[in-house]
C-alpha cells in the first residue's frame, strides 16, 4: 500500500473552512518558533532563545487553544491553556532585563 493512497482520501475530502485554516496556521506558527530559534542560534554559533520565539509561542498556542475549544477537545484544551502564561511571564522578565540594561545581541539575551 502506498503512502499516497493512505492520505489521499483525507486530502480529497478536506474542506478548507475557517477552523481548519485557523488550526493549521496555529500549528505552523507554534512549530515555526523552533525554526526561528535554530536559525538565530546558528547565526551566533551558540544556543539562544530569541524574543520572537516567545511571541510565536503565545500566538500559536492561543490559536490552537481557540481551535481546541471549538472542537471541544479536553486534551488539547488542557495542553494549550497554561503555556501562554509561561510565555508571557518570560516576555515580562526579558523586558524587565532590558529596562535594567542587560545587553542583547539583537537575536536573544546574552547569558
Protein backbone atom coordinates (compact mmCIF):
# COMPACT_ATOMS: atom_id res chain seq x y z
CA UNK A 1 0.00 0.00 0.00
CA UNK A 2 1.38 3.38 -0.99
CA UNK A 3 1.54 6.29 1.42
CA UNK A 4 -0.32 8.45 -1.08
CA UNK A 5 -3.30 6.09 -1.03
CA UNK A 6 -3.49 6.37 2.76
CA UNK A 7 -3.58 10.16 2.80
CA UNK A 8 -5.38 10.89 -0.47
CA UNK A 9 -8.96 10.30 0.78
CA UNK A 10 -8.33 12.64 3.70
CA UNK A 11 -6.80 15.31 1.46
CA UNK A 12 -9.51 14.91 -1.21
CA UNK A 13 -12.28 15.44 1.39
CA UNK A 14 -10.55 18.32 3.17
CA UNK A 15 -12.74 21.39 3.31
CA UNK A 16 -10.65 24.49 3.93
CA UNK A 17 -13.11 26.08 6.35
CA UNK A 18 -12.21 28.73 8.88
CA UNK A 19 -11.48 26.32 11.75
CA UNK A 20 -9.17 24.09 9.74
CA UNK A 21 -7.26 27.11 8.46
CA UNK A 22 -7.02 28.56 11.99
CA UNK A 23 -5.75 25.27 13.39
CA UNK A 24 -3.16 24.85 10.63
CA UNK A 25 -1.87 28.43 10.94
CA UNK A 26 -1.68 28.00 14.72
CA UNK A 27 0.23 24.73 14.36
CA UNK A 28 2.67 26.15 11.79
CA UNK A 29 3.24 29.20 13.98
CA UNK A 30 3.85 27.04 17.04
CA UNK A 31 6.20 24.71 15.11
CA UNK A 32 7.89 27.63 13.36
CA UNK A 33 9.21 29.01 16.63
CA UNK A 34 11.75 26.19 16.70
CA UNK A 35 12.94 27.09 13.21
CA UNK A 36 13.36 30.71 14.35
CA UNK A 37 15.33 29.53 17.40
CA UNK A 38 17.52 27.26 15.28
CA UNK A 39 18.35 29.99 12.74
CA UNK A 40 19.10 32.52 15.49
CA UNK A 41 21.39 30.04 17.25
CA UNK A 42 23.24 29.23 14.03
CA UNK A 43 23.83 32.94 13.40
CA UNK A 44 25.60 33.45 16.73
CA UNK A 45 27.18 30.00 16.98
CA UNK A 46 25.55 29.01 20.26
CA UNK A 47 22.13 28.13 21.59
CA UNK A 48 19.92 31.16 22.26
CA UNK A 49 16.20 31.83 22.50
CA UNK A 50 15.27 34.95 20.52
CA UNK A 51 12.39 37.13 21.66
CA UNK A 52 10.43 36.16 18.53
CA UNK A 53 10.32 32.60 19.90
CA UNK A 54 8.16 33.77 22.81
CA UNK A 55 5.83 35.87 20.65
CA UNK A 56 5.34 32.95 18.26
CA UNK A 57 4.72 30.67 21.25
CA UNK A 58 1.95 32.93 22.53
CA UNK A 59 0.33 33.41 19.13
CA UNK A 60 0.50 29.74 18.15
CA UNK A 61 -0.70 28.41 21.49
CA UNK A 62 -3.63 30.85 21.68
CA UNK A 63 -4.71 29.99 18.13
CA UNK A 64 -4.51 26.28 18.96
CA UNK A 65 -6.41 26.85 22.21
CA UNK A 66 -9.25 28.57 20.31
CA UNK A 67 -9.25 25.69 17.82
CA UNK A 68 -9.35 23.13 20.66
CA UNK A 69 -12.21 24.99 22.36
CA UNK A 70 -14.15 24.93 19.10
CA UNK A 71 -13.57 21.19 18.78
CA UNK A 72 -14.39 20.72 22.48
CA UNK A 73 -11.29 18.58 22.89
CA UNK A 74 -10.38 18.48 26.60
CA UNK A 75 -6.91 17.02 25.98
CA UNK A 76 -5.81 19.85 23.69
CA UNK A 77 -7.62 22.47 25.78
CA UNK A 78 -5.62 21.38 28.80
CA UNK A 79 -2.41 21.16 26.77
CA UNK A 80 -2.61 24.69 25.36
CA UNK A 81 -4.36 26.56 28.18
CA UNK A 82 -1.40 27.08 30.52
CA UNK A 83 1.50 27.63 28.16
CA UNK A 84 0.70 31.22 27.32
CA UNK A 85 1.07 32.22 30.97
CA UNK A 86 4.64 30.93 30.95
CA UNK A 87 5.42 32.61 27.62
CA UNK A 88 4.01 35.94 28.81
CA UNK A 89 5.99 35.70 32.04
CA UNK A 90 9.19 35.11 30.07
CA UNK A 91 8.49 38.23 28.00
CA UNK A 92 7.88 40.24 31.18
CA UNK A 93 11.25 39.08 32.54
CA UNK A 94 13.00 39.88 29.26
CA UNK A 95 11.54 43.38 29.11
CA UNK A 96 12.41 43.90 32.78
CA UNK A 97 16.04 43.00 31.99
CA UNK A 98 16.04 45.45 29.08
CA UNK A 99 14.96 48.24 31.41
CA UNK A 100 17.78 47.28 33.77
CA UNK A 101 20.32 47.45 30.95
CA UNK A 102 21.07 43.78 30.33
CA UNK A 103 22.78 43.58 26.93
CA UNK A 104 21.27 41.79 23.96
CA UNK A 105 22.81 40.91 20.64
CA UNK A 106 19.61 41.51 18.65
CA UNK A 107 18.79 37.82 18.41
CA UNK A 108 18.36 36.98 22.07
CA UNK A 109 19.68 37.54 25.54
CA UNK A 110 23.36 37.32 26.26
CA UNK A 111 23.80 34.99 29.21
